[in-house]
């Protein structure tokens, strides 16, 4: 099976309340397993994750990791 046949989708997303930054974030996943977080994209964040209301855990965010696993197992 090809990737497109297996998943049958181009992108999937969910919005969650992130306890690390105390804000809502949309997590987007593509069929190739790459992911993006809207909170990271829209905020000015530093390498240590400071700023914006709490320590962002990107790129090791467990919320993103869990949603990637769920999305790829659909």
C-alpha atoms as a PDB file:
ATOM      1  CA  UNK A   1       0.000   0.000   0.000  1.00  0.00           C
ATOM      2  CA  UNK A   2       1.147   3.508  -0.665  1.00  0.00           C
ATOM      3  CA  UNK A   3       1.047   6.165   1.991  1.00  0.00           C
ATOM      4  CA  UNK A   4      -1.915   7.899   0.323  1.00  0.00           C
ATOM      5  CA  UNK A   5      -3.865   4.645   0.008  1.00  0.00           C
ATOM      6  CA  UNK A   6      -3.120   3.647   3.586  1.00  0.00           C
ATOM      7  CA  UNK A   7      -4.223   6.877   5.233  1.00  0.00           C
ATOM      8  CA  UNK A   8      -6.490   8.443   2.621  1.00  0.00           C
ATOM      9  CA  UNK A   9      -6.032  11.924   4.047  1.00  0.00           C
ATOM     10  CA  UNK A  10      -3.754  14.941   3.600  1.00  0.00           C
ATOM     11  CA  UNK A  11      -3.800  16.514   7.049  1.00  0.00           C
ATOM     12  CA  UNK A  12      -5.618  16.033  10.314  1.00  0.00           C
ATOM     13  CA  UNK A  13      -5.802  18.380  13.264  1.00  0.00           C
ATOM     14  CA  UNK A  14      -7.130  18.715  16.770  1.00  0.00           C
ATOM     15  CA  UNK A  15      -7.290  21.558  19.247  1.00  0.00           C
ATOM     16  CA  UNK A  16      -6.214  20.857  22.822  1.00  0.00           C
ATOM     17  CA  UNK A  17      -5.664  22.828  25.976  1.00  0.00           C
ATOM     18  CA  UNK A  18      -1.952  22.611  26.670  1.00  0.00           C
ATOM     19  CA  UNK A  19      -1.136  22.524  30.391  1.00  0.00           C
ATOM     20  CA  UNK A  20       2.469  23.574  29.734  1.00  0.00           C
ATOM     21  CA  UNK A  21       1.613  26.937  28.177  1.00  0.00           C
ATOM     22  CA  UNK A  22      -1.854  27.293  29.722  1.00  0.00           C
ATOM     23  CA  UNK A  23      -3.430  28.031  26.365  1.00  0.00           C
ATOM     24  CA  UNK A  24      -5.171  26.309  23.458  1.00  0.00           C
ATOM     25  CA  UNK A  25      -3.115  24.900  20.610  1.00  0.00           C
ATOM     26  CA  UNK A  26      -3.983  23.172  17.371  1.00  0.00           C
ATOM     27  CA  UNK A  27      -1.857  20.163  16.520  1.00  0.00           C
ATOM     28  CA  UNK A  28      -1.617  19.302  12.823  1.00  0.00           C
ATOM     29  CA  UNK A  29      -0.323  15.977  11.468  1.00  0.00           C
ATOM     30  CA  UNK A  30       0.472  14.993   7.892  1.00  0.00           C
ATOM     31  CA  UNK A  31       0.443  11.383   6.614  1.00  0.00           C
ATOM     32  CA  UNK A  32       4.264  11.328   6.565  1.00  0.00           C
ATOM     33  CA  UNK A  33       4.233  11.768  10.368  1.00  0.00           C
ATOM     34  CA  UNK A  34       5.429  15.360  10.464  1.00  0.00           C
ATOM     35  CA  UNK A  35       3.589  17.583  12.902  1.00  0.00           C
ATOM     36  CA  UNK A  36       3.140  21.243  13.706  1.00  0.00           C
ATOM     37  CA  UNK A  37       1.741  23.112  16.672  1.00  0.00           C
ATOM     38  CA  UNK A  38      -0.119  26.386  16.215  1.00  0.00           C
ATOM     39  CA  UNK A  39       1.025  27.708  19.584  1.00  0.00           C
ATOM     40  CA  UNK A  40       4.659  27.333  18.550  1.00  0.00           C
ATOM     41  CA  UNK A  41       3.919  28.866  15.144  1.00  0.00           C
ATOM     42  CA  UNK A  42       2.070  31.909  16.465  1.00  0.00           C
ATOM     43  CA  UNK A  43       4.203  32.710  19.501  1.00  0.00           C
ATOM     44  CA  UNK A  44       7.658  34.077  19.769  1.00  0.00           C
ATOM     45  CA  UNK A  45       9.396  31.298  21.602  1.00  0.00           C
ATOM     46  CA  UNK A  46      12.982  30.679  22.532  1.00  0.00           C
ATOM     47  CA  UNK A  47      15.024  27.485  22.587  1.00  0.00           C
ATOM     48  CA  UNK A  48      14.387  27.043  26.307  1.00  0.00           C
ATOM     49  CA  UNK A  49      10.627  27.258  25.714  1.00  0.00           C
ATOM     50  CA  UNK A  50      10.144  30.308  27.882  1.00  0.00           C
ATOM     51  CA  UNK A  51       7.619  33.001  27.254  1.00  0.00           C
ATOM     52  CA  UNK A  52       3.931  33.194  26.524  1.00  0.00           C
ATOM     53  CA  UNK A  53       2.550  31.763  29.760  1.00  0.00           C
ATOM     54  CA  UNK A  54       4.663  28.740  30.534  1.00  0.00           C
ATOM     55  CA  UNK A  55       7.404  26.449  29.357  1.00  0.00           C
ATOM     56  CA  UNK A  56       6.567  25.045  25.931  1.00  0.00           C
ATOM     57  CA  UNK A  57       7.761  21.464  25.525  1.00  0.00           C
ATOM     58  CA  UNK A  58       8.202  21.635  21.745  1.00  0.00           C
ATOM     59  CA  UNK A  59       9.627  19.607  20.000  1.00  0.00           C
ATOM     60  CA  UNK A  60       9.292  16.929  22.722  1.00  0.00           C
ATOM     61  CA  UNK A  61       5.649  17.644  23.481  1.00  0.00           C
ATOM     62  CA  UNK A  62       3.748  14.563  24.678  1.00  0.00           C
ATOM     63  CA  UNK A  63       0.461  15.983  23.333  1.00  0.00           C
ATOM     64  CA  UNK A  64       1.927  16.188  19.837  1.00  0.00           C
ATOM     65  CA  UNK A  65       3.520  12.737  20.097  1.00  0.00           C
ATOM     66  CA  UNK A  66       0.254  11.153  21.231  1.00  0.00           C
ATOM     67  CA  UNK A  67      -1.770  12.783  18.466  1.00  0.00           C
ATOM     68  CA  UNK A  68       0.771  11.729  15.817  1.00  0.00           C
ATOM     69  CA  UNK A  69       0.497   8.106  17.011  1.00  0.00           C
ATOM     70  CA  UNK A  70      -3.296   8.248  17.046  1.00  0.00           C
ATOM     71  CA  UNK A  71      -3.483   9.861  13.607  1.00  0.00           C
ATOM     72  CA  UNK A  72      -1.139   7.393  11.936  1.00  0.00           C
ATOM     73  CA  UNK A  73      -3.062   4.432  13.376  1.00  0.00           C
ATOM     74  CA  UNK A  74      -6.409   5.496  11.888  1.00  0.00           C
END
